[in-house]
Every structure is written in structure tokens, then in C-alpha cells.
Protein backbone atom coordinates (compact mmCIF):
# COMPACT_ATOMS: atom_id res chain seq x y z
CA MET A 1 -10.49 55.33 -10.59
CA THR A 2 -10.34 52.23 -12.69
CA THR A 3 -12.44 49.23 -12.48
CA PRO A 4 -10.93 45.92 -12.10
CA GLU A 5 -11.13 43.42 -15.04
CA PRO A 6 -13.76 40.72 -14.60
CA ARG A 7 -12.59 37.24 -13.83
CA GLN A 8 -13.92 34.21 -15.45
CA ALA A 9 -15.52 31.75 -13.16
CA GLY A 10 -13.20 28.98 -11.98
CA THR A 11 -9.97 30.80 -12.43
CA PRO A 12 -9.05 32.36 -9.11
CA GLY A 13 -5.68 34.05 -8.92
CA THR A 14 -5.08 34.80 -12.53
CA ASP A 15 -3.97 38.33 -11.93
CA PRO A 16 -0.51 38.47 -13.50
CA THR A 17 0.76 41.22 -11.03
CA GLN A 18 0.29 38.92 -8.03
CA PRO A 19 2.21 35.78 -7.53
CA SER A 20 0.10 32.68 -7.29
CA LEU A 21 0.16 30.89 -3.89
CA PRO A 22 0.23 27.05 -3.64
CA ALA A 23 -3.00 25.36 -2.60
CA ALA A 24 -3.11 25.08 1.17
CA PRO A 25 -3.55 21.54 2.55
CA PRO A 26 -6.83 20.79 4.27
CA PRO A 27 -6.82 21.46 8.02
CA THR A 28 -6.03 18.44 10.21
CA THR A 29 -7.41 17.83 13.53
CA THR A 30 -4.77 15.37 14.59
CA ARG A 31 -0.93 15.32 14.65
CA PRO A 32 0.97 12.75 12.65
CA GLY A 33 1.18 9.36 14.53
CA THR A 34 -1.89 9.98 16.75
CA ALA A 35 -5.51 8.64 16.62
CA PRO A 36 -8.15 10.76 15.04
CA GLN A 37 -10.41 12.54 17.60
CA LYS A 38 -14.05 11.68 17.63
CA SER A 39 -16.54 14.23 16.58
CA PRO A 40 -18.97 15.54 19.15
CA SER A 41 -21.91 14.24 17.47
CA GLY A 42 -20.54 10.55 17.49
CA LYS A 43 -21.03 8.06 20.22
CA GLY A 44 -21.27 10.64 22.96
CA ALA A 45 -24.57 11.94 21.61
CA GLY A 46 -25.93 8.28 21.20
CA ARG A 47 -24.97 7.56 24.79
CA ALA A 48 -26.83 10.68 26.00
CA ILE A 49 -29.87 9.74 24.16
CA GLY A 50 -29.65 6.15 25.30
CA ARG A 51 -29.27 7.35 28.99
CA ALA A 52 -32.32 9.62 28.48
CA VAL A 53 -34.29 6.71 27.22
CA ALA A 54 -33.26 4.51 30.03
CA LEU A 55 -34.14 7.04 32.55
CA THR A 56 -37.48 7.69 30.98
CA LEU A 57 -38.21 3.83 30.94
CA LEU A 58 -36.95 3.49 34.69
CA VAL A 59 -39.47 6.26 35.76
CA PHE A 60 -42.19 4.80 33.63
CA VAL A 61 -41.63 1.32 35.20
CA THR A 62 -41.50 2.65 38.73
CA VAL A 63 -44.73 4.50 38.29
CA VAL A 64 -46.31 1.33 36.83
CA LEU A 65 -44.94 -0.66 39.71
CA VAL A 66 -46.20 1.78 42.58
CA LEU A 67 -49.76 1.75 40.79
CA PHE A 68 -49.58 -1.95 40.71
CA VAL A 69 -48.90 -2.27 44.39
CA MET A 70 -51.50 0.25 45.38
CA PHE A 71 -54.20 -1.54 43.31
CA ASN A 72 -53.45 -5.02 44.54
CA THR A 73 -53.52 -4.87 48.29
CA GLN A 74 -56.16 -7.52 48.97
CA THR A 75 -55.12 -10.63 50.75
CA VAL A 76 -55.26 -14.02 48.98
CA ASP A 77 -54.89 -17.53 50.13
CA ILE A 78 -51.72 -19.27 48.50
CA SER A 79 -51.67 -23.04 48.62
CA LEU A 80 -48.09 -24.25 48.86
CA VAL A 81 -47.14 -27.92 48.80
CA PHE A 82 -46.90 -28.24 52.63
CA ALA A 83 -49.11 -25.37 53.86
CA ASP A 84 -51.60 -22.74 53.12
CA VAL A 85 -50.51 -19.05 53.49
CA GLU A 86 -52.29 -15.77 53.49
CA ALA A 87 -50.46 -12.96 51.67
CA PRO A 88 -51.11 -9.79 49.80
CA LEU A 89 -51.76 -10.43 46.22
CA VAL A 90 -49.09 -8.11 45.08
CA LEU A 91 -46.51 -10.18 47.14
CA ALA A 92 -47.78 -13.33 45.39
CA LEU A 93 -47.58 -11.72 41.90
CA LEU A 94 -44.03 -10.40 42.51
CA ILE A 95 -42.74 -13.85 43.75
CA ALA A 96 -44.26 -15.43 40.69
CA ALA A 97 -42.60 -13.06 38.49
CA VAL A 98 -39.24 -13.25 40.05
CA LEU A 99 -39.36 -17.09 39.96
CA GLY A 100 -40.40 -16.87 36.29
CA GLY A 101 -37.49 -14.44 35.54
CA LEU A 102 -34.95 -16.83 37.20
CA LEU A 103 -36.43 -19.82 35.22
CA VAL A 104 -35.93 -17.83 32.00
CA SER A 105 -32.33 -16.77 33.07
CA LEU A 106 -31.53 -20.33 33.85
CA ALA A 107 -32.76 -21.48 30.64
CA GLY A 108 -30.64 -18.99 28.80
CA ALA A 109 -27.59 -19.86 30.70
CA VAL A 110 -28.06 -23.64 29.79
CA ARG A 111 -28.54 -22.69 26.19
CA ARG A 112 -25.31 -20.57 26.05
CA ALA A 113 -23.43 -23.36 27.83
CA ARG A 114 -24.63 -25.81 25.16
CA ARG A 115 -23.54 -23.52 22.48
CA ARG A 116 -20.14 -23.06 23.90
CA ASN A 117 -19.43 -26.88 24.18
CA ARG A 118 -20.16 -27.54 20.63
């Protein structure tokens, strides 16, 4: 039994008894003329993380809202322009929050309209 001759590092395929093969092209994942496929760790993973964060925030806000309603059950007097009304505190606070949100969204819409007209 004979031992093979040691090869020098960096010279693969220098055995004169075997024909040298051309270097193989790198494997392609797409056919010519088609768009490249997205990797599985691309936007799909980011969307999954985003959905998980959104779901977590939704659960958190829901729990906080339920606690808010449970702790604000007392009745308060609300003085309107034309009348005085008794209502639960949570209802008064939610109405104020909704009206505040509407004012902010209206101000944002006015700002966007002004920018578009420039």
C-alpha cells in the first residue's frame, strides 16, 4: 500500500493523473429573467415581530382600559353650556379623550392640506 503524496495548501486538483474540472458556477435560486426570491429572514420575520408587538400592545391597552373603567365608576356632575348632567366619571373622561383625539386629527388634516397647497 502506498501513501498519497501530500498536496500543498491552496492547490486542489493538481494530481496529473486526474483531469481538472472547470470551476462550478455558484448556485442560483432564480431562473434567468425572473425576480430574485426573498429570503425567509427578510420582511416576513419583521412583519411577524411587528404583529406580535402590536398584539402585545393591544392586550396591554385593553387591560389598562378595563382597569380604568373599574376604578372610575363614581358619578360626577358635568356642566354643559345649556344643562347640567350626571354621568359616570369614566364616560366623561372617555368623551373628553375622544374629542381631544378628533381635534388633534383635524389639526393634522389641516396641516397636511396646507403643505399640499404650497
